[in-house]
Amino acid sequence: MAAHPSSSSRTPIRLDIADGRGDVLGDVLSLGLLRNALYKQVEARAPWGMSIGGKNRAMLYLIARGRALLEIEGEPTIVLEAGHVAFLPRGGPHVLRDAPTTVPSAVCDGSGRATGATRRIGGRGAPTSIVAAFFELDRTSPPLLQREAQVVVLSDHDGAADTTVKATIALVLAEIDNPGPASVLLLQRFADVLVVQAMRSLTKHRTCRAHRPQGLAALSDPPIHDALSLMHAHVGYAWSVAELASRVGLSRSGFAARFTDLVGEPPLQYLARWRVTRAAELLRHSVDGVSEIALKVGYESTPSFNKAFKRWQGTSPGAYRRAASTT
């Protein structure tokens, strides 16, 4: 008979809660995109068009069938076909329509009353099915998101696309074709996944230095990725440019120039803005006092924290908390 050691002789197994701090992309998205809301599925028949004004929200569209033209000021028109996902991380004004000659109608949020699972628009021509979601943004989006492209397009039939992207799009399309209990919840979660996948794709840009985009593409550079991870994982630490440079194996001047080139601002300015972003999260979701939050994000002086917060958020910590409690 096998021996069974007594339970008292065993050390308890501790399962720690996973924490995204230090995972720069996860940290940025979890703080930048505050709320996910899914619109009803749109069934559009030509001629149809929607004009969406600029709001402090990111937008996501998935074309389930048919095709659509996505028009953003300053960008070439994008043709979206079935299986395409378009994510607009900065939420600027844009138009979605069936043809360049169609006059679009303005879009506004509805009341949310139960009026059916599908919103039907347009005429009697060729059909297009659209899944649309939006993501509320903080008053000031995280630094790395402010320099992103106006639109990111994913496709389930792009040979170079990540297999997980194709799988997620397939799950969305399958749920639309065969909805069941909690379909809206599932589609909201799938939208979350598609946003992460879209933003992850931006971290993989590797172009020549003269044309390399700023923002999340900086995460493809190992030393800068490591420096950002240190700042995100230990936001309250008194980082200096010299120590960050030493940690990632670069000279002080070389690190500062490289960070500014890829991220779009100097290291300590990025850190200051990120501290305020983290403080805003704590003001929204904790009961900690302003002075306690100031210490957590690296400010020993509450007045200096108040000054920094107002600089980047445009309001005082107390006013920000009061406004957040009413939304």
C-alpha atoms as a PDB file:
ATOM      1  CA  MET A   1       0.000   0.000   0.000  1.00  0.00           C
ATOM      2  CA  ALA A   2       1.368   3.395  -0.977  1.00  0.00           C
ATOM      3  CA  ALA A   3       2.297   5.675   1.854  1.00  0.00           C
ATOM      4  CA  HIS A   4       0.243   8.833   2.205  1.00  0.00           C
ATOM      5  CA  PRO A   5       2.045  11.659   3.947  1.00  0.00           C
ATOM      6  CA  SER A   6      -0.077  13.584   6.369  1.00  0.00           C
ATOM      7  CA  SER A   7      -1.607  16.753   4.994  1.00  0.00           C
ATOM      8  CA  SER A   8       0.071  18.736   7.778  1.00  0.00           C
ATOM      9  CA  SER A   9       3.503  17.851   6.403  1.00  0.00           C
ATOM     10  CA  ARG A  10       2.878  19.498   3.082  1.00  0.00           C
ATOM     11  CA  THR A  11       3.466  23.158   2.384  1.00  0.00           C
ATOM     12  CA  PRO A  12       0.282  24.772   1.015  1.00  0.00           C
ATOM     13  CA  ILE A  13       0.388  25.555  -2.658  1.00  0.00           C
ATOM     14  CA  ARG A  14      -0.074  29.233  -3.310  1.00  0.00           C
ATOM     15  CA  LEU A  15      -1.722  30.233  -6.561  1.00  0.00           C
ATOM     16  CA  ASP A  16      -1.004  33.905  -7.158  1.00  0.00           C
ATOM     17  CA  ILE A  17      -3.371  36.133  -9.069  1.00  0.00           C
ATOM     18  CA  ALA A  18      -1.956  37.043 -12.490  1.00  0.00           C
ATOM     19  CA  ASP A  19      -1.048  40.714 -12.771  1.00  0.00           C
ATOM     20  CA  GLY A  20      -0.467  42.506 -16.058  1.00  0.00           C
ATOM     21  CA  ARG A  21       1.758  45.199 -14.531  1.00  0.00           C
ATOM     22  CA  GLY A  22       5.011  45.170 -16.450  1.00  0.00           C
ATOM     23  CA  ASP A  23       3.303  43.836 -19.580  1.00  0.00           C
ATOM     24  CA  VAL A  24       3.328  47.195 -21.307  1.00  0.00           C
ATOM     25  CA  LEU A  25       0.640  46.533 -23.917  1.00  0.00           C
ATOM     26  CA  GLY A  26      -1.684  44.885 -21.396  1.00  0.00           C
ATOM     27  CA  ASP A  27      -1.134  47.723 -18.957  1.00  0.00           C
ATOM     28  CA  VAL A  28      -1.811  50.397 -21.578  1.00  0.00           C
ATOM     29  CA  LEU A  29      -4.976  48.776 -22.898  1.00  0.00           C
ATOM     30  CA  SER A  30      -6.419  47.942 -19.486  1.00  0.00           C
ATOM     31  CA  LEU A  31      -6.150  51.591 -18.439  1.00  0.00           C
ATOM     32  CA  GLY A  32      -6.821  53.277 -21.767  1.00  0.00           C
ATOM     33  CA  LEU A  33      -9.993  51.440 -22.831  1.00  0.00           C
ATOM     34  CA  LEU A  34     -12.409  51.910 -19.967  1.00  0.00           C
ATOM     35  CA  ARG A  35     -15.642  50.313 -21.129  1.00  0.00           C
ATOM     36  CA  ASN A  36     -16.723  48.054 -23.968  1.00  0.00           C
ATOM     37  CA  ALA A  37     -20.222  48.456 -25.402  1.00  0.00           C
ATOM     38  CA  LEU A  38     -21.600  46.447 -28.312  1.00  0.00           C
ATOM     39  CA  TYR A  39     -24.102  47.951 -30.708  1.00  0.00           C
ATOM     40  CA  LYS A  40     -26.882  45.802 -32.114  1.00  0.00           C
ATOM     41  CA  GLN A  41     -25.936  43.951 -35.251  1.00  0.00           C
ATOM     42  CA  VAL A  42     -26.466  46.212 -38.256  1.00  0.00           C
ATOM     43  CA  GLU A  43     -28.130  44.783 -41.359  1.00  0.00           C
ATOM     44  CA  ALA A  44     -27.578  47.309 -44.134  1.00  0.00           C
ATOM     45  CA  ARG A  45     -28.942  47.167 -47.668  1.00  0.00           C
ATOM     46  CA  ALA A  46     -27.708  49.411 -50.446  1.00  0.00           C
ATOM     47  CA  PRO A  47     -27.841  52.300 -50.596  1.00  0.00           C
ATOM     48  CA  TRP A  48     -26.721  52.845 -47.011  1.00  0.00           C
ATOM     49  CA  GLY A  49     -24.251  55.023 -45.171  1.00  0.00           C
ATOM     50  CA  MET A  50     -23.338  55.973 -41.609  1.00  0.00           C
ATOM     51  CA  SER A  51     -21.464  59.103 -40.535  1.00  0.00           C
ATOM     52  CA  ILE A  52     -19.911  58.743 -37.075  1.00  0.00           C
ATOM     53  CA  GLY A  53     -18.719  61.897 -35.348  1.00  0.00           C
ATOM     54  CA  GLY A  54     -15.528  62.103 -33.355  1.00  0.00           C
ATOM     55  CA  LYS A  55     -15.933  61.062 -29.735  1.00  0.00           C
ATOM     56  CA  ASN A  56     -13.609  60.058 -26.918  1.00  0.00           C
ATOM     57  CA  ARG A  57     -13.981  56.418 -27.827  1.00  0.00           C
ATOM     58  CA  ALA A  58     -12.300  53.827 -30.010  1.00  0.00           C
ATOM     59  CA  MET A  59     -14.415  51.984 -32.592  1.00  0.00           C
ATOM     60  CA  LEU A  60     -14.357  48.451 -33.948  1.00  0.00           C
ATOM     61  CA  TYR A  61     -16.225  47.105 -36.967  1.00  0.00           C
ATOM     62  CA  LEU A  62     -16.411  43.518 -38.195  1.00  0.00           C
ATOM     63  CA  ILE A  63     -17.964  42.846 -41.586  1.00  0.00           C
ATOM     64  CA  ALA A  64     -19.852  39.563 -41.317  1.00  0.00           C
ATOM     65  CA  ARG A  65     -21.035  39.584 -44.931  1.00  0.00           C
ATOM     66  CA  GLY A  66     -21.048  41.959 -47.878  1.00  0.00           C
ATOM     67  CA  ARG A  67     -18.660  44.911 -48.147  1.00  0.00           C
ATOM     68  CA  ALA A  68     -18.270  48.468 -46.914  1.00  0.00           C
ATOM     69  CA  LEU A  69     -16.129  51.517 -47.584  1.00  0.00           C
ATOM     70  CA  LEU A  70     -14.421  53.060 -44.559  1.00  0.00           C
ATOM     71  CA  GLU A  71     -13.483  56.704 -45.039  1.00  0.00           C
ATOM     72  CA  ILE A  72     -11.316  58.623 -42.559  1.00  0.00           C
ATOM     73  CA  GLU A  73     -10.164  62.167 -43.231  1.00  0.00           C
ATOM     74  CA  GLY A  74      -6.575  62.227 -44.411  1.00  0.00           C
ATOM     75  CA  GLU A  75      -6.522  58.486 -45.161  1.00  0.00           C
ATOM     76  CA  PRO A  76      -7.191  56.543 -48.384  1.00  0.00           C
ATOM     77  CA  THR A  77     -10.570  54.825 -48.542  1.00  0.00           C
ATOM     78  CA  ILE A  78     -10.432  51.287 -47.125  1.00  0.00           C
ATOM     79  CA  VAL A  79     -12.517  48.525 -48.682  1.00  0.00           C
ATOM     80  CA  LEU A  80     -13.784  46.166 -45.984  1.00  0.00           C
ATOM     81  CA  GLU A  81     -15.107  42.779 -47.051  1.00  0.00           C
ATOM     82  CA  ALA A  82     -16.567  39.807 -45.180  1.00  0.00           C
ATOM     83  CA  GLY A  83     -14.097  38.659 -42.525  1.00  0.00           C
ATOM     84  CA  HIS A  84     -12.411  42.061 -42.213  1.00  0.00           C
ATOM     85  CA  VAL A  85     -12.092  43.889 -38.882  1.00  0.00           C
ATOM     86  CA  ALA A  86     -11.338  47.615 -38.675  1.00  0.00           C
ATOM     87  CA  PHE A  87     -10.240  49.121 -35.354  1.00  0.00           C
ATOM     88  CA  LEU A  88      -9.996  52.903 -34.926  1.00  0.00           C
ATOM     89  CA  PRO A  89      -7.962  53.399 -31.716  1.00  0.00           C
ATOM     90  CA  ARG A  90      -8.307  57.188 -31.659  1.00  0.00           C
ATOM     91  CA  GLY A  91     -12.036  57.395 -32.375  1.00  0.00           C
ATOM     92  CA  GLY A  92     -11.895  60.167 -34.976  1.00  0.00           C
ATOM     93  CA  PRO A  93     -14.838  61.053 -37.256  1.00  0.00           C
ATOM     94  CA  HIS A  94     -15.382  58.620 -40.105  1.00  0.00           C
ATOM     95  CA  VAL A  95     -17.906  57.354 -42.641  1.00  0.00           C
ATOM     96  CA  LEU A  96     -18.975  53.788 -43.390  1.00  0.00           C
ATOM     97  CA  ARG A  97     -21.063  53.263 -46.536  1.00  0.00           C
ATOM     98  CA  ASP A  98     -21.757  51.025 -49.482  1.00  0.00           C
ATOM     99  CA  ALA A  99     -20.579  53.369 -52.253  1.00  0.00           C
ATOM    100  CA  PRO A 100     -18.809  56.740 -52.618  1.00  0.00           C
ATOM    101  CA  THR A 101     -21.967  58.368 -53.975  1.00  0.00           C
ATOM    102  CA  THR A 102     -24.242  57.365 -51.072  1.00  0.00           C
ATOM    103  CA  VAL A 103     -25.091  60.237 -48.730  1.00  0.00           C
ATOM    104  CA  PRO A 104     -24.516  58.927 -45.159  1.00  0.00           C
ATOM    105  CA  SER A 105     -26.846  59.481 -42.222  1.00  0.00           C
ATOM    106  CA  ALA A 106     -25.527  60.704 -38.878  1.00  0.00           C
ATOM    107  CA  VAL A 107     -25.251  58.039 -36.170  1.00  0.00           C
ATOM    108  CA  CYS A 108     -26.041  58.599 -32.499  1.00  0.00           C
ATOM    109  CA  ASP A 109     -26.370  56.238 -29.546  1.00  0.00           C
ATOM    110  CA  GLY A 110     -29.882  54.885 -29.011  1.00  0.00           C
ATOM    111  CA  SER A 111     -31.856  54.461 -25.810  1.00  0.00           C
ATOM    112  CA  GLY A 112     -31.052  50.786 -25.339  1.00  0.00           C
ATOM    113  CA  ARG A 113     -34.724  49.805 -25.345  1.00  0.00           C
ATOM    114  CA  ALA A 114     -35.523  46.234 -26.406  1.00  0.00           C
ATOM    115  CA  THR A 115     -36.471  46.723 -30.068  1.00  0.00           C
ATOM    116  CA  GLY A 116     -35.014  43.564 -31.574  1.00  0.00           C
ATOM    117  CA  ALA A 117     -31.560  42.110 -31.956  1.00  0.00           C
ATOM    118  CA  THR A 118     -30.808  43.749 -35.303  1.00  0.00           C
ATOM    119  CA  ARG A 119     -30.798  47.339 -36.569  1.00  0.00           C
ATOM    120  CA  ARG A 120     -31.882  47.507 -40.202  1.00  0.00           C
ATOM    121  CA  ILE A 121     -30.853  50.464 -42.350  1.00  0.00           C
ATOM    122  CA  GLY A 122     -30.685  51.469 -46.008  1.00  0.00           C
ATOM    123  CA  GLY A 123     -32.695  50.433 -49.044  1.00  0.00           C
ATOM    124  CA  ARG A 124     -33.363  47.123 -50.786  1.00  0.00           C
ATOM    125  CA  GLY A 125     -30.083  46.458 -52.542  1.00  0.00           C
ATOM    126  CA  ALA A 126     -27.061  44.292 -51.773  1.00  0.00           C
ATOM    127  CA  PRO A 127     -26.847  43.326 -48.068  1.00  0.00           C
ATOM    128  CA  THR A 128     -24.018  43.990 -45.631  1.00  0.00           C
ATOM    129  CA  SER A 129     -23.941  42.686 -42.038  1.00  0.00           C
ATOM    130  CA  ILE A 130     -21.868  44.645 -39.528  1.00  0.00           C
ATOM    131  CA  VAL A 131     -20.903  44.035 -35.910  1.00  0.00           C
ATOM    132  CA  ALA A 132     -19.913  47.326 -34.261  1.00  0.00           C
ATOM    133  CA  ALA A 133     -18.477  48.004 -30.814  1.00  0.00           C
ATOM    134  CA  PHE A 134     -17.020  51.006 -29.065  1.00  0.00           C
ATOM    135  CA  PHE A 135     -14.568  51.406 -26.216  1.00  0.00           C
ATOM    136  CA  GLU A 136     -14.731  54.443 -23.968  1.00  0.00           C
ATOM    137  CA  LEU A 137     -11.379  56.173 -23.560  1.00  0.00           C
ATOM    138  CA  ASP A 138     -10.026  57.994 -20.560  1.00  0.00           C
ATOM    139  CA  ARG A 139      -9.979  61.790 -20.822  1.00  0.00           C
ATOM    140  CA  THR A 140      -6.318  61.541 -21.785  1.00  0.00           C
ATOM    141  CA  SER A 141      -5.413  58.233 -23.410  1.00  0.00           C
ATOM    142  CA  PRO A 142      -2.134  56.525 -22.412  1.00  0.00           C
ATOM    143  CA  PRO A 143       0.954  57.972 -24.114  1.00  0.00           C
ATOM    144  CA  LEU A 144       1.651  55.027 -26.413  1.00  0.00           C
ATOM    145  CA  LEU A 145      -1.923  55.039 -27.771  1.00  0.00           C
ATOM    146  CA  GLN A 146      -1.809  58.715 -28.728  1.00  0.00           C
ATOM    147  CA  ARG A 147       0.652  58.065 -31.546  1.00  0.00           C
ATOM    148  CA  GLU A 148      -1.033  55.110 -33.169  1.00  0.00           C
ATOM    149  CA  ALA A 149      -2.362  54.831 -36.693  1.00  0.00           C
ATOM    150  CA  GLN A 150      -5.913  56.027 -37.210  1.00  0.00           C
ATOM    151  CA  VAL A 151      -7.040  52.552 -38.261  1.00  0.00           C
ATOM    152  CA  VAL A 152      -5.836  48.947 -37.964  1.00  0.00           C
ATOM    153  CA  VAL A 153      -7.327  46.322 -40.272  1.00  0.00           C
ATOM    154  CA  LEU A 154      -7.342  42.591 -39.556  1.00  0.00           C
ATOM    155  CA  SER A 155      -8.517  39.882 -41.958  1.00  0.00           C
ATOM    156  CA  ASP A 156      -9.415  36.221 -41.668  1.00  0.00           C
ATOM    157  CA  HIS A 157      -8.162  35.514 -45.194  1.00  0.00           C
ATOM    158  CA  ASP A 158      -4.858  37.353 -45.069  1.00  0.00           C
ATOM    159  CA  GLY A 159      -2.163  34.725 -45.504  1.00  0.00           C
ATOM    160  CA  ALA A 160       0.172  36.687 -43.229  1.00  0.00           C
ATOM    161  CA  ALA A 161      -2.404  37.140 -40.467  1.00  0.00           C
ATOM    162  CA  ASP A 162      -1.900  35.565 -37.055  1.00  0.00           C
ATOM    163  CA  THR A 163      -3.771  32.270 -36.757  1.00  0.00           C
ATOM    164  CA  THR A 164      -5.321  33.481 -33.490  1.00  0.00           C
ATOM    165  CA  VAL A 165      -6.800  36.479 -35.326  1.00  0.00           C
ATOM    166  CA  LYS A 166      -8.390  34.184 -37.888  1.00  0.00           C
ATOM    167  CA  ALA A 167      -9.707  31.944 -35.108  1.00  0.00           C
ATOM    168  CA  THR A 168     -11.255  34.888 -33.234  1.00  0.00           C
ATOM    169  CA  ILE A 169     -12.958  36.223 -36.360  1.00  0.00           C
ATOM    170  CA  ALA A 170     -14.268  32.703 -37.061  1.00  0.00           C
ATOM    171  CA  LEU A 171     -15.706  32.538 -33.529  1.00  0.00           C
ATOM    172  CA  VAL A 172     -17.487  35.867 -34.004  1.00  0.00           C
ATOM    173  CA  LEU A 173     -18.970  34.795 -37.332  1.00  0.00           C
ATOM    174  CA  ALA A 174     -20.050  31.434 -35.891  1.00  0.00           C
ATOM    175  CA  GLU A 175     -21.777  33.144 -32.953  1.00  0.00           C
ATOM    176  CA  ILE A 176     -23.603  35.514 -35.301  1.00  0.00           C
ATOM    177  CA  ASP A 177     -24.802  32.600 -37.449  1.00  0.00           C
ATOM    178  CA  ASN A 178     -25.859  30.501 -34.444  1.00  0.00           C
ATOM    179  CA  PRO A 179     -26.624  32.797 -31.497  1.00  0.00           C
ATOM    180  CA  GLY A 180     -27.441  31.316 -28.124  1.00  0.00           C
ATOM    181  CA  PRO A 181     -27.805  32.350 -24.492  1.00  0.00           C
ATOM    182  CA  ALA A 182     -25.424  35.210 -23.546  1.00  0.00           C
ATOM    183  CA  SER A 183     -24.500  35.872 -27.194  1.00  0.00           C
ATOM    184  CA  VAL A 184     -24.081  39.590 -26.524  1.00  0.00           C
ATOM    185  CA  LEU A 185     -21.667  38.854 -23.682  1.00  0.00           C
ATOM    186  CA  LEU A 186     -19.646  36.497 -25.864  1.00  0.00           C
ATOM    187  CA  LEU A 187     -19.453  39.005 -28.704  1.00  0.00           C
ATOM    188  CA  GLN A 188     -18.305  41.729 -26.297  1.00  0.00           C
ATOM    189  CA  ARG A 189     -15.506  39.464 -25.080  1.00  0.00           C
ATOM    190  CA  PHE A 190     -14.534  38.587 -28.653  1.00  0.00           C
ATOM    191  CA  ALA A 191     -14.403  42.321 -29.425  1.00  0.00           C
ATOM    192  CA  ASP A 192     -12.002  42.759 -26.493  1.00  0.00           C
ATOM    193  CA  VAL A 193      -9.795  40.011 -27.937  1.00  0.00           C
ATOM    194  CA  LEU A 194      -9.828  41.563 -31.421  1.00  0.00           C
ATOM    195  CA  VAL A 195      -8.748  44.926 -29.999  1.00  0.00           C
ATOM    196  CA  VAL A 196      -5.800  43.332 -28.197  1.00  0.00           C
ATOM    197  CA  GLN A 197      -4.859  41.458 -31.365  1.00  0.00           C
ATOM    198  CA  ALA A 198      -5.073  44.640 -33.451  1.00  0.00           C
ATOM    199  CA  MET A 199      -2.885  46.575 -31.038  1.00  0.00           C
ATOM    200  CA  ARG A 200      -0.474  43.652 -30.707  1.00  0.00           C
ATOM    201  CA  SER A 201       0.010  43.759 -34.470  1.00  0.00           C
ATOM    202  CA  LEU A 202       1.301  47.331 -34.116  1.00  0.00           C
ATOM    203  CA  THR A 203       4.070  46.173 -31.780  1.00  0.00           C
ATOM    204  CA  LYS A 204       5.563  44.073 -34.569  1.00  0.00           C
ATOM    205  CA  HIS A 205       6.365  46.891 -37.005  1.00  0.00           C
ATOM    206  CA  ARG A 206      10.005  46.667 -38.012  1.00  0.00           C
ATOM    207  CA  THR A 207      10.802  49.229 -40.671  1.00  0.00           C
ATOM    208  CA  CYS A 208      13.875  51.289 -41.464  1.00  0.00           C
ATOM    209  CA  ARG A 209      14.710  53.768 -38.722  1.00  0.00           C
ATOM    210  CA  ALA A 210      13.843  56.837 -40.828  1.00  0.00           C
ATOM    211  CA  HIS A 211      10.280  55.642 -41.353  1.00  0.00           C
ATOM    212  CA  ARG A 212       9.643  53.723 -38.145  1.00  0.00           C
ATOM    213  CA  PRO A 213       6.349  54.767 -36.515  1.00  0.00           C
ATOM    214  CA  GLN A 214       6.237  55.947 -32.931  1.00  0.00           C
ATOM    215  CA  GLY A 215       4.039  54.410 -30.245  1.00  0.00           C
ATOM    216  CA  LEU A 216       3.474  50.708 -29.727  1.00  0.00           C
ATOM    217  CA  ALA A 217       6.017  49.886 -32.433  1.00  0.00           C
ATOM    218  CA  ALA A 218       8.622  50.845 -29.813  1.00  0.00           C
ATOM    219  CA  LEU A 219       7.889  47.511 -28.143  1.00  0.00           C
ATOM    220  CA  SER A 220       9.642  45.738 -31.025  1.00  0.00           C
ATOM    221  CA  ASP A 221      12.935  47.289 -29.862  1.00  0.00           C
ATOM    222  CA  PRO A 222      14.276  45.096 -27.002  1.00  0.00           C
ATOM    223  CA  PRO A 223      16.067  47.767 -24.894  1.00  0.00           C
ATOM    224  CA  ILE A 224      13.153  50.208 -25.127  1.00  0.00           C
ATOM    225  CA  HIS A 225      10.663  47.430 -24.430  1.00  0.00           C
ATOM    226  CA  ASP A 226      12.672  46.493 -21.330  1.00  0.00           C
ATOM    227  CA  ALA A 227      12.795  50.115 -20.130  1.00  0.00           C
ATOM    228  CA  LEU A 228       9.044  50.544 -20.598  1.00  0.00           C
ATOM    229  CA  SER A 229       8.427  47.279 -18.742  1.00  0.00           C
ATOM    230  CA  LEU A 230      10.490  48.523 -15.794  1.00  0.00           C
ATOM    231  CA  MET A 231       8.564  51.798 -15.624  1.00  0.00           C
ATOM    232  CA  HIS A 232       5.198  50.047 -15.873  1.00  0.00           C
ATOM    233  CA  ALA A 233       6.049  47.355 -13.328  1.00  0.00           C
ATOM    234  CA  HIS A 234       7.482  49.831 -10.789  1.00  0.00           C
ATOM    235  CA  VAL A 235       5.660  53.072 -11.509  1.00  0.00           C
ATOM    236  CA  GLY A 236       6.347  54.506  -8.042  1.00  0.00           C
ATOM    237  CA  TYR A 237      10.106  53.984  -8.175  1.00  0.00           C
ATOM    238  CA  ALA A 238      12.329  57.067  -8.481  1.00  0.00           C
ATOM    239  CA  TRP A 239      13.683  56.202 -11.916  1.00  0.00           C
ATOM    240  CA  SER A 240      16.460  58.244 -13.471  1.00  0.00           C
ATOM    241  CA  VAL A 241      17.525  58.190 -17.109  1.00  0.00           C
ATOM    242  CA  ALA A 242      20.943  56.930 -16.045  1.00  0.00           C
ATOM    243  CA  GLU A 243      19.546  53.963 -14.109  1.00  0.00           C
ATOM    244  CA  LEU A 244      17.123  52.982 -16.869  1.00  0.00           C
ATOM    245  CA  ALA A 245      19.944  53.147 -19.398  1.00  0.00           C
ATOM    246  CA  SER A 246      22.152  50.988 -17.190  1.00  0.00           C
ATOM    247  CA  ARG A 247      19.401  48.419 -16.711  1.00  0.00           C
ATOM    248  CA  VAL A 248      18.925  47.972 -20.461  1.00  0.00           C
ATOM    249  CA  GLY A 249      22.605  48.060 -21.392  1.00  0.00           C
ATOM    250  CA  LEU A 250      22.830  51.430 -23.143  1.00  0.00           C
ATOM    251  CA  SER A 251      24.690  54.658 -22.477  1.00  0.00           C
ATOM    252  CA  ARG A 252      22.659  57.436 -20.902  1.00  0.00           C
ATOM    253  CA  SER A 253      22.706  59.655 -24.000  1.00  0.00           C
ATOM    254  CA  GLY A 254      22.167  56.760 -26.382  1.00  0.00           C
ATOM    255  CA  PHE A 255      19.205  55.467 -24.385  1.00  0.00           C
ATOM    256  CA  ALA A 256      17.571  58.907 -24.077  1.00  0.00           C
ATOM    257  CA  ALA A 257      17.848  59.548 -27.821  1.00  0.00           C
ATOM    258  CA  ARG A 258      16.626  56.076 -28.763  1.00  0.00           C
ATOM    259  CA  PHE A 259      13.673  56.200 -26.367  1.00  0.00           C
ATOM    260  CA  THR A 260      12.588  59.643 -27.592  1.00  0.00           C
ATOM    261  CA  ASP A 261      12.924  58.566 -31.219  1.00  0.00           C
ATOM    262  CA  LEU A 262      10.803  55.428 -30.819  1.00  0.00           C
ATOM    263  CA  VAL A 263       8.297  56.407 -28.128  1.00  0.00           C
ATOM    264  CA  GLY A 264       7.876  60.019 -29.168  1.00  0.00           C
ATOM    265  CA  GLU A 265       8.885  61.752 -25.927  1.00  0.00           C
ATOM    266  CA  PRO A 266      11.774  61.642 -23.404  1.00  0.00           C
ATOM    267  CA  PRO A 267      11.820  58.826 -20.815  1.00  0.00           C
ATOM    268  CA  LEU A 268      10.978  60.886 -17.728  1.00  0.00           C
ATOM    269  CA  GLN A 269       8.194  62.757 -19.516  1.00  0.00           C
ATOM    270  CA  TYR A 270       6.689  59.421 -20.508  1.00  0.00           C
ATOM    271  CA  LEU A 271       7.021  58.248 -16.898  1.00  0.00           C
ATOM    272  CA  ALA A 272       5.313  61.400 -15.581  1.00  0.00           C
ATOM    273  CA  ARG A 273       2.362  60.942 -17.920  1.00  0.00           C
ATOM    274  CA  TRP A 274       2.103  57.252 -17.121  1.00  0.00           C
ATOM    275  CA  ARG A 275       2.091  57.981 -13.393  1.00  0.00           C
ATOM    276  CA  VAL A 276      -0.849  60.323 -13.921  1.00  0.00           C
ATOM    277  CA  THR A 277      -2.624  57.669 -16.001  1.00  0.00           C
ATOM    278  CA  ARG A 278      -2.150  55.135 -13.205  1.00  0.00           C
ATOM    279  CA  ALA A 279      -3.301  57.702 -10.628  1.00  0.00           C
ATOM    280  CA  ALA A 280      -6.452  58.322 -12.663  1.00  0.00           C
ATOM    281  CA  GLU A 281      -7.241  54.597 -12.485  1.00  0.00           C
ATOM    282  CA  LEU A 282      -6.820  54.631  -8.712  1.00  0.00           C
ATOM    283  CA  LEU A 283      -9.040  57.694  -8.407  1.00  0.00           C
ATOM    284  CA  ARG A 284     -11.750  55.918 -10.383  1.00  0.00           C
ATOM    285  CA  HIS A 285     -11.597  52.514  -8.730  1.00  0.00           C
ATOM    286  CA  SER A 286     -10.209  52.898  -5.201  1.00  0.00           C
ATOM    287  CA  VAL A 287     -11.118  54.752  -2.035  1.00  0.00           C
ATOM    288  CA  ASP A 288      -7.519  55.766  -1.346  1.00  0.00           C
ATOM    289  CA  GLY A 289      -6.955  59.397  -0.498  1.00  0.00           C
ATOM    290  CA  VAL A 290      -5.189  61.719  -2.919  1.00  0.00           C
ATOM    291  CA  SER A 291      -2.023  61.833  -0.791  1.00  0.00           C
ATOM    292  CA  GLU A 292      -1.898  58.021  -0.633  1.00  0.00           C
ATOM    293  CA  ILE A 293      -2.347  57.732  -4.395  1.00  0.00           C
ATOM    294  CA  ALA A 294       0.375  60.327  -4.909  1.00  0.00           C
ATOM    295  CA  LEU A 295       2.820  58.151  -2.946  1.00  0.00           C
ATOM    296  CA  LYS A 296       1.838  55.010  -4.843  1.00  0.00           C
ATOM    297  CA  VAL A 297       2.680  56.588  -8.190  1.00  0.00           C
ATOM    298  CA  GLY A 298       5.970  58.122  -7.066  1.00  0.00           C
ATOM    299  CA  TYR A 299       5.173  61.566  -5.658  1.00  0.00           C
ATOM    300  CA  GLU A 300       6.294  62.342  -2.105  1.00  0.00           C
ATOM    301  CA  SER A 301       4.675  65.781  -2.277  1.00  0.00           C
ATOM    302  CA  THR A 302       0.895  65.987  -2.743  1.00  0.00           C
ATOM    303  CA  PRO A 303       1.085  69.531  -4.200  1.00  0.00           C
ATOM    304  CA  SER A 304       3.580  68.384  -6.863  1.00  0.00           C
ATOM    305  CA  PHE A 305       1.293  65.454  -7.660  1.00  0.00           C
ATOM    306  CA  ASN A 306      -1.719  67.777  -7.955  1.00  0.00           C
ATOM    307  CA  LYS A 307       0.246  70.017 -10.316  1.00  0.00           C
ATOM    308  CA  ALA A 308       1.342  67.092 -12.509  1.00  0.00           C
ATOM    309  CA  PHE A 309      -2.148  65.605 -12.570  1.00  0.00           C
ATOM    310  CA  LYS A 310      -3.738  68.878 -13.654  1.00  0.00           C
ATOM    311  CA  ARG A 311      -1.081  69.335 -16.317  1.00  0.00           C
ATOM    312  CA  TRP A 312      -1.839  66.020 -18.007  1.00  0.00           C
ATOM    313  CA  GLN A 313      -5.530  65.527 -17.174  1.00  0.00           C
ATOM    314  CA  GLY A 314      -6.650  69.141 -17.319  1.00  0.00           C
ATOM    315  CA  THR A 315      -8.300  69.024 -13.900  1.00  0.00           C
ATOM    316  CA  SER A 316      -7.469  68.398 -10.252  1.00  0.00           C
ATOM    317  CA  PRO A 317      -7.469  64.864  -8.768  1.00  0.00           C
ATOM    318  CA  GLY A 318     -10.507  65.689  -6.619  1.00  0.00           C
ATOM    319  CA  ALA A 319     -12.508  67.052  -9.550  1.00  0.00           C
ATOM    320  CA  TYR A 320     -11.513  64.061 -11.667  1.00  0.00           C
ATOM    321  CA  ARG A 321     -12.734  61.638  -8.986  1.00  0.00           C
ATOM    322  CA  ARG A 322     -16.035  63.473  -8.590  1.00  0.00           C
ATOM    323  CA  ALA A 323     -16.633  63.450 -12.349  1.00  0.00           C
ATOM    324  CA  ALA A 324     -15.757  59.759 -12.614  1.00  0.00           C
ATOM    325  CA  SER A 325     -18.236  58.889  -9.846  1.00  0.00           C
ATOM    326  CA  THR A 326     -21.117  60.375 -11.835  1.00  0.00           C
ATOM    327  CA  THR A 327     -20.477  58.436 -15.055  1.00  0.00           C
END
